[in-house]
């Protein structure tokens, strides 16, 4: 789906709720929703059927909680405002992939 600026942050030992966080961006609300739908399809194919989803109606920021991995799909402006990369990795872009 051509998500942009995707990073993965290893949270092993830093939090009890997940082992990794994936943060990515879509260019518009529609693109954010399409990326989130594709992630959910991939999770179902991998056997993870109970992922919890927040934010799909508006698609400014969609959070997908798949247990060991939490995925955030943002519009760029919303991503810059919340700046989760800085909050969780300590240095912006440190875990960039």
N, C-alpha and C. Protein backbone atom coordinates (compact mmCIF):
# COMPACT_ATOMS: atom_id res chain seq x y z
N UNK A 1 0.82 -1.21 0.00
CA UNK A 1 0.00 0.00 0.00
C UNK A 1 0.85 1.26 0.00
N UNK A 2 2.15 1.11 -0.08
CA UNK A 2 3.08 2.23 -0.15
C UNK A 2 2.98 3.17 1.04
N UNK A 3 2.93 2.59 2.22
CA UNK A 3 3.01 3.40 3.44
C UNK A 3 4.37 4.10 3.45
N UNK A 4 4.45 5.22 4.13
CA UNK A 4 5.66 6.04 4.09
C UNK A 4 6.32 6.14 5.47
N UNK A 5 7.64 6.28 5.46
CA UNK A 5 8.42 6.53 6.68
C UNK A 5 8.14 5.52 7.77
N UNK A 6 8.16 4.25 7.42
CA UNK A 6 7.87 3.19 8.38
C UNK A 6 9.07 2.93 9.27
N UNK A 7 8.83 2.90 10.57
CA UNK A 7 9.88 2.54 11.52
C UNK A 7 9.35 1.47 12.47
N UNK A 8 10.27 0.73 13.06
CA UNK A 8 9.94 -0.25 14.08
C UNK A 8 10.74 0.09 15.33
N UNK A 9 10.07 0.11 16.46
CA UNK A 9 10.74 0.39 17.73
C UNK A 9 10.64 -0.86 18.60
N UNK A 10 11.77 -1.37 19.02
CA UNK A 10 11.84 -2.54 19.90
C UNK A 10 11.51 -2.09 21.32
N UNK A 11 10.45 -2.62 21.88
CA UNK A 11 10.03 -2.26 23.23
C UNK A 11 10.23 -3.39 24.23
N UNK A 12 10.96 -4.42 23.83
CA UNK A 12 11.21 -5.54 24.72
C UNK A 12 11.85 -5.03 26.00
N UNK A 13 11.22 -5.34 27.13
CA UNK A 13 11.73 -4.93 28.42
C UNK A 13 11.41 -3.49 28.82
N UNK A 14 10.83 -2.72 27.90
CA UNK A 14 10.49 -1.32 28.20
C UNK A 14 9.03 -1.15 28.61
N UNK A 15 8.18 -2.10 28.22
CA UNK A 15 6.76 -2.03 28.54
C UNK A 15 6.18 -3.43 28.63
N UNK A 16 5.11 -3.56 29.37
CA UNK A 16 4.48 -4.86 29.54
C UNK A 16 3.40 -5.12 28.49
N UNK A 17 2.99 -4.08 27.74
CA UNK A 17 1.85 -4.28 26.86
C UNK A 17 2.20 -4.73 25.44
N UNK A 18 3.45 -4.61 25.02
CA UNK A 18 3.84 -5.05 23.67
C UNK A 18 5.35 -5.19 23.57
N UNK A 19 5.80 -5.92 22.58
CA UNK A 19 7.23 -6.11 22.35
C UNK A 19 7.78 -5.18 21.28
N UNK A 20 6.90 -4.74 20.38
CA UNK A 20 7.36 -3.88 19.29
C UNK A 20 6.25 -2.93 18.87
N UNK A 21 6.67 -1.78 18.37
CA UNK A 21 5.74 -0.79 17.87
C UNK A 21 6.16 -0.44 16.45
N UNK A 22 5.22 -0.48 15.53
CA UNK A 22 5.47 -0.07 14.15
C UNK A 22 4.71 1.23 13.94
N UNK A 23 5.41 2.22 13.39
CA UNK A 23 4.80 3.52 13.11
C UNK A 23 5.01 3.82 11.64
N UNK A 24 3.93 4.20 10.96
CA UNK A 24 4.01 4.50 9.53
C UNK A 24 3.01 5.59 9.19
N UNK A 25 3.11 6.11 7.98
CA UNK A 25 2.22 7.19 7.55
C UNK A 25 1.55 6.87 6.23
N UNK A 26 0.36 7.43 6.08
CA UNK A 26 -0.35 7.45 4.81
C UNK A 26 -0.53 8.90 4.39
N UNK A 27 -0.67 9.14 3.11
CA UNK A 27 -0.73 10.51 2.60
C UNK A 27 -2.04 11.22 2.87
N UNK A 28 -3.11 10.48 3.10
CA UNK A 28 -4.44 11.06 3.29
C UNK A 28 -5.24 10.13 4.19
N UNK A 29 -6.42 10.58 4.59
CA UNK A 29 -7.29 9.73 5.41
C UNK A 29 -7.60 8.42 4.68
N UNK A 30 -7.87 8.51 3.41
CA UNK A 30 -8.19 7.31 2.62
C UNK A 30 -6.99 6.36 2.56
N UNK A 31 -5.80 6.91 2.40
CA UNK A 31 -4.59 6.09 2.34
C UNK A 31 -4.32 5.44 3.70
N UNK A 32 -4.50 6.19 4.79
CA UNK A 32 -4.33 5.63 6.14
C UNK A 32 -5.28 4.44 6.33
N UNK A 33 -6.54 4.61 5.93
CA UNK A 33 -7.51 3.52 6.05
C UNK A 33 -7.14 2.31 5.22
N UNK A 34 -6.64 2.54 4.01
CA UNK A 34 -6.24 1.43 3.13
C UNK A 34 -5.03 0.69 3.69
N UNK A 35 -4.06 1.42 4.23
CA UNK A 35 -2.90 0.78 4.84
C UNK A 35 -3.34 -0.05 6.04
N UNK A 36 -4.20 0.52 6.88
CA UNK A 36 -4.68 -0.21 8.06
C UNK A 36 -5.44 -1.47 7.65
N UNK A 37 -6.27 -1.38 6.62
CA UNK A 37 -6.99 -2.56 6.14
C UNK A 37 -6.02 -3.64 5.68
N UNK A 38 -4.97 -3.25 4.98
CA UNK A 38 -3.99 -4.22 4.50
C UNK A 38 -3.25 -4.88 5.65
N UNK A 39 -2.92 -4.09 6.69
CA UNK A 39 -2.26 -4.66 7.87
C UNK A 39 -3.19 -5.68 8.52
N UNK A 40 -4.46 -5.34 8.66
CA UNK A 40 -5.42 -6.26 9.28
C UNK A 40 -5.57 -7.54 8.46
N UNK A 41 -5.59 -7.43 7.13
CA UNK A 41 -5.65 -8.62 6.28
C UNK A 41 -4.43 -9.51 6.50
N UNK A 42 -3.26 -8.88 6.56
CA UNK A 42 -2.02 -9.63 6.78
C UNK A 42 -2.02 -10.33 8.12
N UNK A 43 -2.52 -9.65 9.14
CA UNK A 43 -2.60 -10.26 10.47
C UNK A 43 -3.53 -11.47 10.47
N UNK A 44 -4.68 -11.34 9.79
CA UNK A 44 -5.62 -12.47 9.71
C UNK A 44 -4.99 -13.66 9.00
N UNK A 45 -4.27 -13.39 7.91
CA UNK A 45 -3.60 -14.47 7.17
C UNK A 45 -2.54 -15.14 8.03
N UNK A 46 -1.95 -14.37 8.95
CA UNK A 46 -0.92 -14.91 9.84
C UNK A 46 -1.53 -15.60 11.06
N UNK A 47 -2.86 -15.64 11.12
CA UNK A 47 -3.53 -16.33 12.22
C UNK A 47 -3.87 -15.47 13.41
N UNK A 48 -3.67 -14.16 13.30
CA UNK A 48 -4.01 -13.24 14.39
C UNK A 48 -5.35 -12.60 14.04
N UNK A 49 -6.41 -13.16 14.62
CA UNK A 49 -7.76 -12.74 14.26
C UNK A 49 -8.40 -11.81 15.27
N UNK A 50 -7.77 -11.63 16.42
CA UNK A 50 -8.40 -10.84 17.48
C UNK A 50 -7.73 -9.47 17.68
N UNK A 51 -7.10 -8.93 16.63
CA UNK A 51 -6.47 -7.61 16.74
C UNK A 51 -7.55 -6.57 17.01
N UNK A 52 -7.24 -5.65 17.89
CA UNK A 52 -8.17 -4.57 18.22
C UNK A 52 -7.79 -3.33 17.42
N UNK A 53 -8.80 -2.60 16.95
CA UNK A 53 -8.57 -1.45 16.07
C UNK A 53 -9.29 -0.23 16.62
N UNK A 54 -8.60 0.89 16.60
CA UNK A 54 -9.19 2.18 16.99
C UNK A 54 -8.90 3.19 15.89
N UNK A 55 -9.86 4.06 15.61
CA UNK A 55 -9.62 5.19 14.71
C UNK A 55 -10.04 5.00 13.27
N UNK A 56 -10.63 3.86 12.93
CA UNK A 56 -10.97 3.61 11.53
C UNK A 56 -12.02 4.58 10.96
N UNK A 57 -13.00 5.03 11.69
CA UNK A 57 -13.98 5.90 11.04
C UNK A 57 -13.38 7.19 10.45
N UNK A 58 -12.42 7.79 11.14
CA UNK A 58 -11.87 9.07 10.67
C UNK A 58 -10.55 8.91 9.94
N UNK A 59 -9.77 7.93 10.33
CA UNK A 59 -8.50 7.59 9.69
C UNK A 59 -7.46 8.71 9.72
N UNK A 60 -7.47 9.53 10.77
CA UNK A 60 -6.35 10.45 11.00
C UNK A 60 -5.20 9.66 11.62
N UNK A 61 -5.58 8.73 12.50
CA UNK A 61 -4.63 7.88 13.21
C UNK A 61 -5.34 6.57 13.51
N UNK A 62 -4.84 5.50 12.97
CA UNK A 62 -5.42 4.18 13.23
C UNK A 62 -4.42 3.39 14.06
N UNK A 63 -4.89 2.85 15.18
CA UNK A 63 -4.08 2.03 16.06
C UNK A 63 -4.56 0.59 15.93
N UNK A 64 -3.64 -0.32 15.68
CA UNK A 64 -3.95 -1.75 15.58
C UNK A 64 -3.14 -2.46 16.66
N UNK A 65 -3.83 -3.02 17.63
CA UNK A 65 -3.19 -3.74 18.72
C UNK A 65 -3.28 -5.23 18.43
N UNK A 66 -2.14 -5.80 18.05
CA UNK A 66 -2.08 -7.23 17.73
C UNK A 66 -1.37 -8.01 18.82
N UNK A 67 -1.34 -7.45 20.03
CA UNK A 67 -0.70 -8.15 21.14
C UNK A 67 0.78 -7.85 21.22
N UNK A 68 1.59 -8.71 20.64
CA UNK A 68 3.05 -8.53 20.69
C UNK A 68 3.53 -7.35 19.87
N UNK A 69 2.68 -6.89 18.94
CA UNK A 69 3.02 -5.76 18.07
C UNK A 69 1.85 -4.79 18.05
N UNK A 70 2.16 -3.50 18.19
CA UNK A 70 1.17 -2.45 18.04
C UNK A 70 1.57 -1.63 16.81
N UNK A 71 0.60 -1.40 15.92
CA UNK A 71 0.85 -0.66 14.68
C UNK A 71 0.08 0.65 14.73
N UNK A 72 0.78 1.74 14.44
CA UNK A 72 0.15 3.07 14.34
C UNK A 72 0.28 3.53 12.90
N UNK A 73 -0.85 3.89 12.28
CA UNK A 73 -0.84 4.43 10.93
C UNK A 73 -1.41 5.85 11.03
N UNK A 74 -0.59 6.83 10.66
CA UNK A 74 -0.94 8.24 10.82
C UNK A 74 -1.01 8.99 9.49
N UNK A 75 -1.76 10.08 9.48
CA UNK A 75 -1.53 11.12 8.48
C UNK A 75 -0.29 11.87 8.96
N UNK A 76 0.54 12.40 8.07
CA UNK A 76 1.81 13.02 8.49
C UNK A 76 1.67 14.12 9.54
N UNK A 77 0.65 14.96 9.43
CA UNK A 77 0.47 16.05 10.40
C UNK A 77 0.17 15.53 11.79
N UNK A 78 -0.62 14.49 11.87
CA UNK A 78 -0.99 13.90 13.16
C UNK A 78 0.22 13.19 13.75
N UNK A 79 0.98 12.51 12.91
CA UNK A 79 2.20 11.83 13.38
C UNK A 79 3.19 12.84 13.96
N UNK A 80 3.38 13.96 13.28
CA UNK A 80 4.31 14.98 13.78
C UNK A 80 3.83 15.56 15.10
N UNK A 81 2.52 15.73 15.26
CA UNK A 81 1.97 16.30 16.49
C UNK A 81 2.23 15.39 17.69
N UNK A 82 1.96 14.09 17.55
CA UNK A 82 2.12 13.16 18.67
C UNK A 82 3.56 12.69 18.86
N UNK A 83 4.34 12.62 17.81
CA UNK A 83 5.76 12.30 17.85
C UNK A 83 6.09 11.09 18.73
N UNK A 84 5.41 9.98 18.45
CA UNK A 84 5.63 8.75 19.23
C UNK A 84 7.05 8.23 19.12
N UNK A 85 7.70 8.47 17.99
CA UNK A 85 9.08 8.01 17.82
C UNK A 85 9.96 8.57 18.93
N UNK A 86 9.83 9.85 19.19
CA UNK A 86 10.64 10.49 20.23
C UNK A 86 10.29 9.96 21.61
N UNK A 87 8.99 9.78 21.85
CA UNK A 87 8.53 9.32 23.15
C UNK A 87 9.04 7.92 23.48
N UNK A 88 9.02 7.01 22.49
CA UNK A 88 9.34 5.62 22.76
C UNK A 88 10.76 5.22 22.45
N UNK A 89 11.42 5.89 21.55
CA UNK A 89 12.80 5.47 21.22
C UNK A 89 13.85 6.40 21.80
N UNK A 90 13.44 7.55 22.28
CA UNK A 90 14.42 8.48 22.87
C UNK A 90 15.04 9.40 21.86
N UNK A 91 15.25 8.91 20.64
CA UNK A 91 15.84 9.72 19.59
C UNK A 91 15.04 9.50 18.33
N UNK A 92 14.56 10.55 17.72
CA UNK A 92 13.76 10.45 16.51
C UNK A 92 14.55 9.73 15.43
N UNK A 93 13.92 8.68 14.86
CA UNK A 93 14.53 7.96 13.75
C UNK A 93 15.57 6.93 14.16
N UNK A 94 15.83 6.77 15.43
CA UNK A 94 16.87 5.85 15.91
C UNK A 94 16.66 4.43 15.38
N UNK A 95 15.40 3.98 15.35
CA UNK A 95 15.12 2.61 14.95
C UNK A 95 14.62 2.51 13.51
N UNK A 96 14.94 3.50 12.70
CA UNK A 96 14.42 3.56 11.33
C UNK A 96 14.83 2.33 10.53
N UNK A 97 13.88 1.83 9.73
CA UNK A 97 14.13 0.69 8.85
C UNK A 97 13.67 1.02 7.47
